[in-house]
């Protein structure tokens, strides 16, 4: 996604994707939905 949240497309119009590492141990430690929301808002 670009800085405005729009999907990036390749030369054939397909959405580009990329792998992103995630701290799954920290995610599994979230006890509330608010904790999860905070987890995903961090970049």
N, C-alpha and C. Protein backbone atom coordinates (compact mmCIF):
# COMPACT_ATOMS: atom_id res chain seq x y z
N UNK A 1 0.83 -1.18 0.00
CA UNK A 1 0.00 0.00 0.00
C UNK A 1 0.88 1.24 0.00
N UNK A 2 0.34 2.29 -0.61
CA UNK A 2 1.06 3.55 -0.57
C UNK A 2 0.74 4.27 0.74
N UNK A 3 1.25 5.47 0.90
CA UNK A 3 1.07 6.20 2.17
C UNK A 3 -0.38 6.57 2.45
N UNK A 4 -1.24 6.51 1.42
CA UNK A 4 -2.67 6.82 1.60
C UNK A 4 -3.51 5.57 1.77
N UNK A 5 -2.87 4.39 1.80
CA UNK A 5 -3.60 3.14 2.00
C UNK A 5 -4.12 2.50 0.73
N UNK A 6 -3.75 3.04 -0.43
CA UNK A 6 -4.20 2.48 -1.70
C UNK A 6 -3.31 1.31 -2.09
N UNK A 7 -3.90 0.24 -2.66
CA UNK A 7 -3.08 -0.91 -3.06
C UNK A 7 -2.13 -0.54 -4.20
N UNK A 8 -0.92 -1.12 -4.16
CA UNK A 8 0.04 -0.93 -5.24
C UNK A 8 -0.17 -2.02 -6.27
N UNK A 9 -0.12 -1.66 -7.55
CA UNK A 9 -0.36 -2.61 -8.62
C UNK A 9 0.90 -2.79 -9.45
N UNK A 10 1.08 -4.01 -9.99
CA UNK A 10 2.22 -4.25 -10.87
C UNK A 10 1.85 -3.81 -12.28
N UNK A 11 2.75 -4.04 -13.24
CA UNK A 11 2.53 -3.57 -14.61
C UNK A 11 1.34 -4.25 -15.29
N UNK A 12 0.87 -5.38 -14.74
CA UNK A 12 -0.27 -6.08 -15.32
C UNK A 12 -1.56 -5.83 -14.54
N UNK A 13 -1.52 -4.90 -13.59
CA UNK A 13 -2.70 -4.53 -12.83
C UNK A 13 -3.02 -5.42 -11.64
N UNK A 14 -2.13 -6.35 -11.33
CA UNK A 14 -2.34 -7.22 -10.16
C UNK A 14 -1.80 -6.53 -8.91
N UNK A 15 -2.47 -6.76 -7.78
CA UNK A 15 -2.02 -6.14 -6.54
C UNK A 15 -0.70 -6.75 -6.11
N UNK A 16 0.25 -5.88 -5.78
CA UNK A 16 1.55 -6.33 -5.30
C UNK A 16 1.44 -6.71 -3.83
N UNK A 17 2.17 -7.75 -3.46
CA UNK A 17 2.18 -8.19 -2.07
C UNK A 17 3.63 -8.31 -1.61
N UNK A 18 3.81 -8.33 -0.31
CA UNK A 18 5.14 -8.55 0.25
C UNK A 18 5.01 -9.24 1.60
N UNK A 19 6.02 -9.99 1.94
CA UNK A 19 6.03 -10.68 3.23
C UNK A 19 6.36 -9.67 4.32
N UNK A 20 5.74 -9.85 5.47
CA UNK A 20 6.01 -8.97 6.60
C UNK A 20 6.15 -9.84 7.84
N UNK A 21 7.29 -9.72 8.51
CA UNK A 21 7.50 -10.49 9.73
C UNK A 21 6.66 -9.93 10.86
N UNK A 22 6.19 -10.82 11.72
CA UNK A 22 5.30 -10.43 12.80
C UNK A 22 5.74 -11.10 14.09
N UNK A 23 5.66 -10.39 15.19
CA UNK A 23 6.01 -10.92 16.50
C UNK A 23 4.81 -11.73 17.02
N UNK A 24 4.70 -12.99 16.59
CA UNK A 24 3.54 -13.80 16.93
C UNK A 24 3.44 -14.06 18.44
N UNK A 25 4.57 -14.15 19.12
CA UNK A 25 4.53 -14.37 20.56
C UNK A 25 3.85 -13.19 21.25
N UNK A 26 4.19 -11.99 20.82
CA UNK A 26 3.56 -10.79 21.38
C UNK A 26 2.08 -10.73 21.01
N UNK A 27 1.75 -11.09 19.78
CA UNK A 27 0.35 -11.09 19.35
C UNK A 27 -0.47 -12.08 20.18
N UNK A 28 0.07 -13.27 20.39
CA UNK A 28 -0.65 -14.27 21.18
C UNK A 28 -0.78 -13.85 22.64
N UNK A 29 0.08 -12.96 23.09
CA UNK A 29 0.00 -12.46 24.45
C UNK A 29 -1.06 -11.39 24.66
N UNK A 30 -1.67 -10.92 23.58
CA UNK A 30 -2.72 -9.91 23.70
C UNK A 30 -3.93 -10.51 24.41
N UNK A 31 -4.42 -9.80 25.42
CA UNK A 31 -5.54 -10.31 26.22
C UNK A 31 -6.87 -9.67 25.84
N UNK A 32 -6.83 -8.51 25.20
CA UNK A 32 -8.07 -7.81 24.84
C UNK A 32 -8.01 -7.40 23.37
N UNK A 33 -9.18 -7.06 22.82
CA UNK A 33 -9.22 -6.56 21.45
C UNK A 33 -8.42 -5.27 21.33
N UNK A 34 -8.44 -4.46 22.38
CA UNK A 34 -7.67 -3.22 22.38
C UNK A 34 -6.17 -3.51 22.24
N UNK A 35 -5.68 -4.54 22.93
CA UNK A 35 -4.28 -4.95 22.81
C UNK A 35 -3.95 -5.32 21.37
N UNK A 36 -4.86 -6.06 20.73
CA UNK A 36 -4.66 -6.48 19.34
C UNK A 36 -4.65 -5.26 18.43
N UNK A 37 -5.58 -4.34 18.65
CA UNK A 37 -5.64 -3.12 17.83
C UNK A 37 -4.34 -2.33 17.94
N UNK A 38 -3.81 -2.21 19.16
CA UNK A 38 -2.55 -1.50 19.38
C UNK A 38 -1.42 -2.24 18.67
N UNK A 39 -1.41 -3.56 18.77
CA UNK A 39 -0.37 -4.37 18.12
C UNK A 39 -0.32 -4.07 16.62
N UNK A 40 -1.48 -4.07 15.96
CA UNK A 40 -1.50 -3.88 14.52
C UNK A 40 -1.33 -2.42 14.11
N UNK A 41 -1.50 -1.48 15.03
CA UNK A 41 -1.31 -0.08 14.67
C UNK A 41 0.17 0.30 14.70
N UNK A 42 1.01 -0.52 15.35
CA UNK A 42 2.45 -0.26 15.39
C UNK A 42 3.07 -0.64 14.07
N UNK A 43 4.04 0.13 13.63
CA UNK A 43 4.67 -0.16 12.34
C UNK A 43 6.11 -0.50 12.51
